[in-house]
N, C-alpha and C. Protein backbone atom coordinates (compact mmCIF):
# COMPACT_ATOMS: atom_id res chain seq x y z
N MET A 1 7.83 10.69 -32.53
CA MET A 1 8.55 11.09 -31.34
C MET A 1 7.85 10.55 -30.10
N GLY A 2 7.99 9.32 -29.87
CA GLY A 2 7.40 8.73 -28.68
C GLY A 2 8.46 8.19 -27.75
N MET A 3 8.02 7.85 -26.58
CA MET A 3 8.93 7.26 -25.61
C MET A 3 9.27 5.84 -26.02
N GLU A 4 10.43 5.38 -25.62
CA GLU A 4 10.74 3.99 -25.83
C GLU A 4 9.82 3.15 -24.95
N ASP A 5 9.58 1.93 -25.37
CA ASP A 5 8.65 1.08 -24.62
C ASP A 5 9.16 0.76 -23.22
N ASP A 6 10.46 0.53 -23.08
CA ASP A 6 11.00 0.22 -21.76
C ASP A 6 10.86 1.40 -20.81
N SER A 7 11.15 2.58 -21.29
CA SER A 7 11.03 3.78 -20.45
C SER A 7 9.57 4.02 -20.06
N LYS A 8 8.68 3.83 -21.01
CA LYS A 8 7.26 4.02 -20.74
C LYS A 8 6.76 3.01 -19.71
N ASN A 9 7.13 1.74 -19.86
CA ASN A 9 6.71 0.71 -18.92
C ASN A 9 7.27 0.97 -17.52
N PHE A 10 8.51 1.45 -17.46
CA PHE A 10 9.13 1.75 -16.18
C PHE A 10 8.40 2.92 -15.50
N LEU A 11 8.07 3.95 -16.24
CA LEU A 11 7.35 5.09 -15.68
C LEU A 11 5.95 4.68 -15.23
N VAL A 12 5.28 3.85 -15.99
CA VAL A 12 3.95 3.36 -15.60
C VAL A 12 4.04 2.55 -14.31
N LEU A 13 5.08 1.74 -14.17
CA LEU A 13 5.26 0.95 -12.96
C LEU A 13 5.48 1.85 -11.75
N ILE A 14 6.26 2.90 -11.91
CA ILE A 14 6.49 3.84 -10.81
C ILE A 14 5.19 4.52 -10.41
N VAL A 15 4.44 5.01 -11.39
CA VAL A 15 3.18 5.72 -11.10
C VAL A 15 2.17 4.77 -10.45
N GLN A 16 2.08 3.54 -10.93
CA GLN A 16 1.15 2.59 -10.34
C GLN A 16 1.54 2.24 -8.91
N THR A 17 2.82 2.12 -8.64
CA THR A 17 3.27 1.81 -7.29
C THR A 17 2.96 2.95 -6.33
N VAL A 18 3.28 4.16 -6.73
CA VAL A 18 3.03 5.33 -5.87
C VAL A 18 1.53 5.52 -5.65
N SER A 19 0.74 5.40 -6.69
CA SER A 19 -0.71 5.60 -6.54
C SER A 19 -1.34 4.49 -5.69
N SER A 20 -0.84 3.27 -5.81
CA SER A 20 -1.37 2.18 -4.98
C SER A 20 -1.06 2.41 -3.51
N ILE A 21 0.15 2.87 -3.21
CA ILE A 21 0.52 3.15 -1.82
C ILE A 21 -0.33 4.30 -1.27
N ILE A 22 -0.54 5.34 -2.05
CA ILE A 22 -1.35 6.47 -1.59
C ILE A 22 -2.79 6.04 -1.34
N LEU A 23 -3.37 5.24 -2.24
CA LEU A 23 -4.73 4.75 -2.05
C LEU A 23 -4.83 3.89 -0.80
N TRP A 24 -3.86 3.00 -0.60
CA TRP A 24 -3.85 2.12 0.57
C TRP A 24 -3.75 2.93 1.86
N LEU A 25 -2.90 3.96 1.85
CA LEU A 25 -2.76 4.81 3.02
C LEU A 25 -4.03 5.61 3.30
N LEU A 26 -4.66 6.14 2.25
CA LEU A 26 -5.90 6.90 2.45
C LEU A 26 -7.02 6.03 3.02
N ILE A 27 -7.12 4.81 2.56
CA ILE A 27 -8.12 3.89 3.10
C ILE A 27 -7.85 3.60 4.56
N ASN A 28 -6.58 3.37 4.90
CA ASN A 28 -6.24 3.08 6.30
C ASN A 28 -6.38 4.30 7.19
N ILE A 29 -6.11 5.47 6.67
CA ILE A 29 -6.32 6.69 7.46
C ILE A 29 -7.81 6.88 7.73
N PHE A 30 -8.64 6.64 6.71
CA PHE A 30 -10.09 6.78 6.90
C PHE A 30 -10.60 5.79 7.95
N ILE A 31 -10.21 4.53 7.82
CA ILE A 31 -10.70 3.51 8.75
C ILE A 31 -10.11 3.71 10.15
N GLY A 32 -8.82 4.02 10.21
CA GLY A 32 -8.17 4.13 11.51
C GLY A 32 -8.49 5.39 12.27
N LEU A 33 -8.53 6.54 11.58
CA LEU A 33 -8.74 7.80 12.28
C LEU A 33 -10.19 8.28 12.23
N TYR A 34 -10.79 8.26 11.05
CA TYR A 34 -12.15 8.78 10.94
C TYR A 34 -13.16 7.86 11.63
N LEU A 35 -13.03 6.55 11.41
CA LEU A 35 -13.93 5.61 12.08
C LEU A 35 -13.43 5.22 13.47
N LYS A 36 -12.24 5.68 13.83
CA LYS A 36 -11.62 5.52 15.16
C LYS A 36 -11.35 4.06 15.53
N TYR A 37 -11.04 3.23 14.53
CA TYR A 37 -10.63 1.86 14.84
C TYR A 37 -9.16 1.78 15.23
N GLY A 38 -8.39 2.76 14.87
CA GLY A 38 -6.97 2.77 15.21
C GLY A 38 -6.68 3.46 16.53
N LEU A 39 -7.69 4.05 17.14
CA LEU A 39 -7.52 4.78 18.39
C LEU A 39 -8.19 4.02 19.52
N PHE A 40 -7.63 4.11 20.70
CA PHE A 40 -8.28 3.52 21.87
C PHE A 40 -8.08 4.43 23.07
N ASP A 41 -9.05 4.39 23.99
CA ASP A 41 -9.03 5.29 25.13
C ASP A 41 -7.98 4.85 26.16
N SER A 42 -8.23 3.79 26.86
CA SER A 42 -7.29 3.35 27.88
C SER A 42 -6.68 1.99 27.54
N THR A 43 -7.51 1.10 27.04
CA THR A 43 -7.01 -0.23 26.65
C THR A 43 -7.54 -0.55 25.26
N PRO A 44 -6.78 -1.32 24.50
CA PRO A 44 -7.27 -1.70 23.17
C PRO A 44 -8.42 -2.70 23.25
N THR A 45 -9.37 -2.53 22.35
CA THR A 45 -10.50 -3.47 22.27
C THR A 45 -10.23 -4.48 21.17
N LEU A 46 -11.15 -5.40 20.99
CA LEU A 46 -11.00 -6.42 19.96
C LEU A 46 -11.03 -5.80 18.57
N ILE A 47 -11.81 -4.75 18.38
CA ILE A 47 -11.87 -4.06 17.09
C ILE A 47 -10.52 -3.41 16.78
N ASN A 48 -9.89 -2.78 17.78
CA ASN A 48 -8.58 -2.16 17.58
C ASN A 48 -7.52 -3.21 17.21
N ILE A 49 -7.53 -4.31 17.90
CA ILE A 49 -6.56 -5.37 17.62
C ILE A 49 -6.79 -5.93 16.22
N GLY A 50 -8.04 -6.12 15.85
CA GLY A 50 -8.36 -6.60 14.50
C GLY A 50 -7.93 -5.63 13.43
N TYR A 51 -8.14 -4.34 13.68
CA TYR A 51 -7.72 -3.32 12.72
C TYR A 51 -6.21 -3.37 12.50
N TYR A 52 -5.46 -3.43 13.58
CA TYR A 52 -4.00 -3.44 13.45
C TYR A 52 -3.49 -4.74 12.82
N CYS A 53 -4.14 -5.85 13.10
CA CYS A 53 -3.77 -7.11 12.44
C CYS A 53 -4.01 -7.02 10.93
N ILE A 54 -5.15 -6.48 10.54
CA ILE A 54 -5.45 -6.31 9.11
C ILE A 54 -4.50 -5.30 8.48
N PHE A 55 -4.16 -4.23 9.21
CA PHE A 55 -3.22 -3.22 8.72
C PHE A 55 -1.85 -3.83 8.46
N ILE A 56 -1.34 -4.59 9.40
CA ILE A 56 -0.02 -5.19 9.24
C ILE A 56 -0.03 -6.25 8.15
N THR A 57 -1.08 -7.05 8.09
CA THR A 57 -1.19 -8.07 7.04
C THR A 57 -1.28 -7.42 5.66
N GLY A 58 -2.08 -6.36 5.56
CA GLY A 58 -2.21 -5.64 4.29
C GLY A 58 -0.89 -5.02 3.87
N CYS A 59 -0.17 -4.46 4.82
CA CYS A 59 1.14 -3.87 4.53
C CYS A 59 2.10 -4.93 4.01
N PHE A 60 2.14 -6.07 4.68
CA PHE A 60 3.01 -7.17 4.24
C PHE A 60 2.65 -7.65 2.84
N LEU A 61 1.37 -7.85 2.58
CA LEU A 61 0.94 -8.35 1.27
C LEU A 61 1.18 -7.32 0.17
N LEU A 62 0.97 -6.05 0.47
CA LEU A 62 1.19 -5.00 -0.52
C LEU A 62 2.67 -4.93 -0.92
N PHE A 63 3.56 -4.96 0.06
CA PHE A 63 4.98 -4.89 -0.26
C PHE A 63 5.50 -6.17 -0.90
N LYS A 64 4.89 -7.30 -0.55
CA LYS A 64 5.25 -8.55 -1.22
C LYS A 64 4.85 -8.50 -2.70
N TYR A 65 3.68 -7.92 -2.98
CA TYR A 65 3.22 -7.74 -4.35
C TYR A 65 4.14 -6.79 -5.12
N PHE A 66 4.54 -5.68 -4.48
CA PHE A 66 5.45 -4.74 -5.14
C PHE A 66 6.81 -5.37 -5.40
N LYS A 67 7.29 -6.15 -4.48
CA LYS A 67 8.59 -6.82 -4.66
C LYS A 67 8.52 -7.76 -5.87
N LYS A 68 7.43 -8.48 -6.00
CA LYS A 68 7.26 -9.39 -7.13
C LYS A 68 7.19 -8.63 -8.45
N ARG A 69 6.46 -7.51 -8.48
CA ARG A 69 6.35 -6.71 -9.71
C ARG A 69 7.66 -6.07 -10.09
N TRP A 70 8.40 -5.55 -9.10
CA TRP A 70 9.65 -4.85 -9.40
C TRP A 70 10.76 -5.83 -9.77
N GLN A 71 10.70 -7.06 -9.27
CA GLN A 71 11.72 -8.03 -9.66
C GLN A 71 11.49 -8.57 -11.06
N ALA A 72 10.27 -8.41 -11.57
CA ALA A 72 9.95 -8.93 -12.89
C ALA A 72 10.51 -8.06 -14.02
N ILE A 73 10.88 -6.81 -13.70
CA ILE A 73 11.40 -5.94 -14.75
C ILE A 73 12.91 -6.10 -14.88
N ASP A 74 13.42 -5.78 -16.05
CA ASP A 74 14.84 -5.88 -16.33
C ASP A 74 15.40 -4.46 -16.42
N ILE A 75 16.18 -4.07 -15.42
CA ILE A 75 16.80 -2.75 -15.40
C ILE A 75 18.26 -2.93 -15.81
N SER A 76 18.53 -2.62 -17.04
CA SER A 76 19.92 -2.72 -17.50
C SER A 76 20.18 -1.76 -18.64
C-alpha cells in the first residue's frame, strides 16, 4: 500500500518548492531586518542598494529555477 510514483514525486516537488521559498525568505529577513541592510534612515547607502540588488536578483533566479523544475513534470 504505497503511493504511486507520480503522486509521490509531485508531493516531493511541492514540499521542496515551499521549503526553498521559506528558507530563502528567512535568510533575507535575517539579512535585511536583523542586520539592518534592508533599512535606511534618510537616504539609502551603498550597502542598502547592494542588498536590494542581490534580493531582486535572487528572487528572479529562484523563480526561474522553479519555473524550469515545474515545467519538467508531466501533469496529465
